[in-house]
């Protein structure tokens, strides 16, 4: 992937993440306000409270992404371990050129 394409991709991903947070916030808010006051006599919550509730649940219960990240790192370690010394040198040289030139 070229540097320009990766830069464009970052600008496309950020709004999608914000949109996903907003959607999950609204869904959480509406589900809470529909179920919890009727069943447990709890007060209705605002959108900001729903976002905070999602963050709190992420902190307390973790999530899918933690294991996902470790799986990719293990796959990369296995790939590097199975390379010959020349392949490993070329791999790390390519990674350095691709990602470290920005610093």
Protein backbone atom coordinates (compact mmCIF):
# COMPACT_ATOMS: atom_id res chain seq x y z
CA UNK A 1 0.00 0.00 0.00
CA UNK A 2 1.35 3.43 -0.85
CA UNK A 3 1.80 6.19 1.71
CA UNK A 4 -0.97 8.30 0.12
CA UNK A 5 -3.44 5.43 0.22
CA UNK A 6 -2.64 4.68 3.86
CA UNK A 7 -3.04 8.38 4.73
CA UNK A 8 -6.43 8.50 2.99
CA UNK A 9 -7.46 5.34 4.76
CA UNK A 10 -6.83 6.95 8.16
CA UNK A 11 -9.15 9.81 7.25
CA UNK A 12 -11.84 7.34 6.23
CA UNK A 13 -11.54 5.16 9.33
CA UNK A 14 -11.79 7.96 11.90
CA UNK A 15 -15.32 9.10 10.86
CA UNK A 16 -16.46 5.47 10.71
CA UNK A 17 -15.26 4.92 14.28
CA UNK A 18 -17.07 8.07 15.44
CA UNK A 19 -20.20 6.96 13.60
CA UNK A 20 -20.02 3.52 15.23
CA UNK A 21 -19.65 5.10 18.68
CA UNK A 22 -22.67 7.32 18.01
CA UNK A 23 -24.77 4.40 16.75
CA UNK A 24 -23.85 2.18 19.72
CA UNK A 25 -24.56 5.11 22.05
CA UNK A 26 -28.01 5.73 20.61
CA UNK A 27 -28.86 2.02 20.59
CA UNK A 28 -27.72 1.68 24.21
CA UNK A 29 -29.65 4.79 25.25
CA UNK A 30 -32.88 3.67 23.59
CA UNK A 31 -32.66 0.10 24.84
CA UNK A 32 -31.94 1.29 28.37
CA UNK A 33 -34.77 3.83 28.28
CA UNK A 34 -37.19 1.22 26.90
CA UNK A 35 -36.34 -1.65 29.26
CA UNK A 36 -34.75 -0.47 32.51
CA UNK A 37 -37.34 2.10 33.71
CA UNK A 38 -40.19 -0.35 33.09
CA UNK A 39 -38.53 -3.42 34.58
CA UNK A 40 -36.34 -2.03 37.40
CA UNK A 41 -37.83 1.46 37.93
CA UNK A 42 -34.50 3.06 37.02
CA UNK A 43 -34.32 6.56 35.53
CA UNK A 44 -33.92 7.18 31.82
CA UNK A 45 -30.41 8.08 30.62
CA UNK A 46 -29.05 10.65 28.17
CA UNK A 47 -26.86 9.99 25.14
CA UNK A 48 -23.72 11.04 27.02
CA UNK A 49 -24.60 8.72 29.90
CA UNK A 50 -25.06 5.88 27.40
CA UNK A 51 -21.59 6.53 25.93
CA UNK A 52 -20.14 6.57 29.47
CA UNK A 53 -21.94 3.31 30.21
CA UNK A 54 -20.38 1.73 27.12
CA UNK A 55 -16.90 2.94 28.14
CA UNK A 56 -17.41 1.64 31.67
CA UNK A 57 -18.55 -1.76 30.40
CA UNK A 58 -15.50 -1.90 28.10
CA UNK A 59 -13.20 -1.17 31.04
CA UNK A 60 -14.88 -3.68 33.34
CA UNK A 61 -15.52 -6.53 30.93
CA UNK A 62 -12.89 -6.08 28.22
CA UNK A 63 -13.82 -7.09 24.77
CA UNK A 64 -13.10 -8.83 21.51
CA UNK A 65 -10.21 -6.62 20.43
CA UNK A 66 -7.78 -7.70 23.15
CA UNK A 67 -7.60 -11.31 21.94
CA UNK A 68 -7.73 -10.24 18.31
CA UNK A 69 -4.55 -8.16 18.66
CA UNK A 70 -2.64 -11.00 20.33
CA UNK A 71 -3.70 -13.45 17.62
CA UNK A 72 -2.15 -11.25 14.92
CA UNK A 73 1.06 -10.84 16.91
CA UNK A 74 1.36 -14.61 17.35
CA UNK A 75 0.80 -15.14 13.62
CA UNK A 76 3.52 -12.59 12.85
CA UNK A 77 5.95 -14.24 15.31
CA UNK A 78 5.30 -17.62 13.72
CA UNK A 79 5.82 -16.21 10.24
CA UNK A 80 9.11 -14.55 11.21
CA UNK A 81 10.31 -17.68 13.03
CA UNK A 82 9.79 -19.81 9.92
CA UNK A 83 11.82 -17.46 7.67
CA UNK A 84 15.39 -17.97 6.61
CA UNK A 85 17.87 -15.36 7.88
CA UNK A 86 17.89 -13.64 4.46
CA UNK A 87 14.08 -13.53 4.30
CA UNK A 88 13.95 -12.19 7.86
CA UNK A 89 16.46 -9.45 7.03
CA UNK A 90 14.49 -8.41 3.93
CA UNK A 91 11.22 -8.50 5.89
CA UNK A 92 12.50 -6.21 8.65
CA UNK A 93 14.18 -3.92 6.12
CA UNK A 94 10.87 -3.58 4.24
CA UNK A 95 8.94 -2.93 7.47
CA UNK A 96 11.47 -0.32 8.54
CA UNK A 97 11.27 1.47 5.18
CA UNK A 98 7.48 1.31 5.15
CA UNK A 99 6.75 2.46 8.68
CA UNK A 100 9.79 4.21 10.13
CA UNK A 101 10.36 6.78 7.37
CA UNK A 102 7.54 8.89 8.85
CA UNK A 103 9.42 9.63 12.08
